[in-house]
Amino acid sequence: MSAQKVHVKNGDMVMVIAGKEKGKTGKVNLVMPDKGRVLVEGLNIVKRHTRPSRTNSSGGIIEKEAPFAVSNVMVFCKSCNKAARVGNRILDDGSKVRFCKKCQATLDK
């Protein structure tokens, strides 16, 4: 599987649009374009049974974040307070910036 184009970046606020965490928002910690997945802070918590190792001497049940499919998250626009589709715009100085297609507000600083 080749790396797919991803519409989110590290540090973006996203809203989950499908699955058990639907409607919740969080910050993107990690984007995996080769797998088509994103890791969102504080969402999709799973329990992992681990054996004792050097890093985790006691072992046991650990709660950790599992990645979402990229198609299940949308960028959250703070100005219109909704999940929105993202467009790209080239400014006069030649820089490329992302914008919310609902309210036309820029998402990148």
Protein backbone atom coordinates (compact mmCIF):
# COMPACT_ATOMS: atom_id res chain seq x y z
CA MET A 1 0.00 0.00 0.00
CA SER A 2 1.43 3.36 -0.99
CA ALA A 3 1.22 6.44 1.19
CA GLN A 4 -2.06 8.27 0.69
CA LYS A 5 -2.54 12.03 0.78
CA VAL A 6 -3.71 13.04 4.26
CA HIS A 7 -5.80 16.14 5.00
CA VAL A 8 -4.64 16.52 8.63
CA LYS A 9 -1.30 17.50 10.15
CA ASN A 10 0.34 17.00 13.54
CA GLY A 11 -1.14 19.45 16.03
CA ASP A 12 -4.48 19.90 14.22
CA MET A 13 -7.71 19.82 16.20
CA VAL A 14 -9.93 17.13 14.68
CA MET A 15 -13.45 15.84 15.24
CA VAL A 16 -14.27 12.14 14.94
CA ILE A 17 -17.14 11.61 12.48
CA ALA A 18 -17.61 7.82 12.74
CA GLY A 19 -17.25 5.03 15.30
CA LYS A 20 -17.64 4.79 19.06
CA GLU A 21 -15.91 8.15 19.65
CA LYS A 22 -18.16 10.03 17.17
CA GLY A 23 -18.57 13.73 17.94
CA LYS A 24 -15.50 14.02 20.19
CA THR A 25 -12.61 16.35 19.43
CA GLY A 26 -8.90 16.04 20.11
CA LYS A 27 -5.44 17.06 19.00
CA VAL A 28 -3.52 14.97 16.43
CA ASN A 29 -0.35 13.53 17.94
CA LEU A 30 0.87 11.40 15.02
CA VAL A 31 -0.01 11.05 11.34
CA MET A 32 0.81 7.77 9.56
CA PRO A 33 0.21 8.44 5.84
CA ASP A 34 1.66 5.07 4.81
CA LYS A 35 -1.05 3.29 6.86
CA GLY A 36 -3.76 5.93 6.41
CA ARG A 37 -4.14 6.43 10.17
CA VAL A 38 -3.93 9.21 12.76
CA LEU A 39 -3.35 9.08 16.51
CA VAL A 40 -5.58 11.51 18.43
CA GLU A 41 -4.73 12.58 21.98
CA GLY A 42 -7.10 11.16 24.61
CA LEU A 43 -9.41 9.32 22.19
CA ASN A 44 -9.87 5.67 21.16
CA ILE A 45 -8.37 4.28 24.38
CA VAL A 46 -7.80 0.51 24.30
CA LYS A 47 -6.57 -1.91 26.95
CA ARG A 48 -3.39 -3.77 26.08
CA HIS A 49 -2.22 -6.81 28.04
CA THR A 50 1.57 -6.72 28.25
CA ARG A 51 4.18 -8.99 29.74
CA PRO A 52 6.93 -7.67 31.96
CA SER A 53 9.85 -6.15 30.05
CA ARG A 54 12.73 -3.75 30.68
CA THR A 55 10.58 -0.71 29.97
CA ASN A 56 7.56 -2.01 31.92
CA SER A 57 8.87 -4.19 34.74
CA SER A 58 5.49 -5.08 36.23
CA GLY A 59 3.55 -5.85 33.04
CA GLY A 60 -0.24 -6.02 33.34
CA ILE A 61 -3.01 -4.13 31.60
CA ILE A 62 -2.04 -0.81 30.02
CA GLU A 63 -4.47 1.72 28.56
CA LYS A 64 -3.17 3.39 25.40
CA GLU A 65 -4.45 5.34 22.41
CA ALA A 66 -5.17 3.41 19.22
CA PRO A 67 -5.03 5.08 15.79
CA PHE A 68 -8.11 6.15 13.82
CA ALA A 69 -8.54 5.75 10.07
CA VAL A 70 -7.95 9.11 8.38
CA SER A 71 -11.39 8.92 6.77
CA ASN A 72 -13.02 8.93 10.22
CA VAL A 73 -11.70 12.34 11.27
CA MET A 74 -12.29 15.88 9.98
CA VAL A 75 -10.40 19.06 10.78
CA PHE A 76 -12.21 21.10 13.45
CA CYS A 77 -12.60 24.79 12.58
CA LYS A 78 -12.48 27.00 15.66
CA SER A 79 -14.10 30.02 13.99
CA CYS A 80 -17.31 28.23 12.89
CA ASN A 81 -17.03 25.66 15.75
CA LYS A 82 -17.73 22.69 13.45
CA ALA A 83 -15.90 19.93 11.61
CA ALA A 84 -15.18 21.20 8.12
CA ARG A 85 -13.70 20.18 4.81
CA VAL A 86 -10.33 21.68 4.03
CA GLY A 87 -9.24 23.54 0.92
CA ASN A 88 -5.86 24.90 -0.15
CA ARG A 89 -5.27 28.51 -1.12
CA ILE A 90 -2.13 30.15 -2.47
CA LEU A 91 -1.54 33.59 -0.98
CA ASP A 92 -0.05 36.63 -2.77
CA ASP A 93 3.40 35.95 -1.33
CA GLY A 94 3.34 32.44 -2.85
CA SER A 95 2.79 30.52 0.39
CA LYS A 96 0.21 27.75 0.53
CA VAL A 97 -2.36 27.83 3.34
CA ARG A 98 -5.31 25.59 4.31
CA PHE A 99 -8.77 27.07 4.83
CA CYS A 100 -12.21 26.01 6.08
CA LYS A 101 -14.64 25.56 3.21
CA LYS A 102 -17.63 26.55 5.39
CA CYS A 103 -16.50 29.93 6.75
CA GLN A 104 -13.39 30.61 4.58
CA ALA A 105 -11.19 31.08 7.69
CA THR A 106 -7.54 30.06 7.42
CA LEU A 107 -6.53 27.03 9.50
CA ASP A 108 -2.75 27.44 9.30
CA LYS A 109 -1.03 30.24 11.16
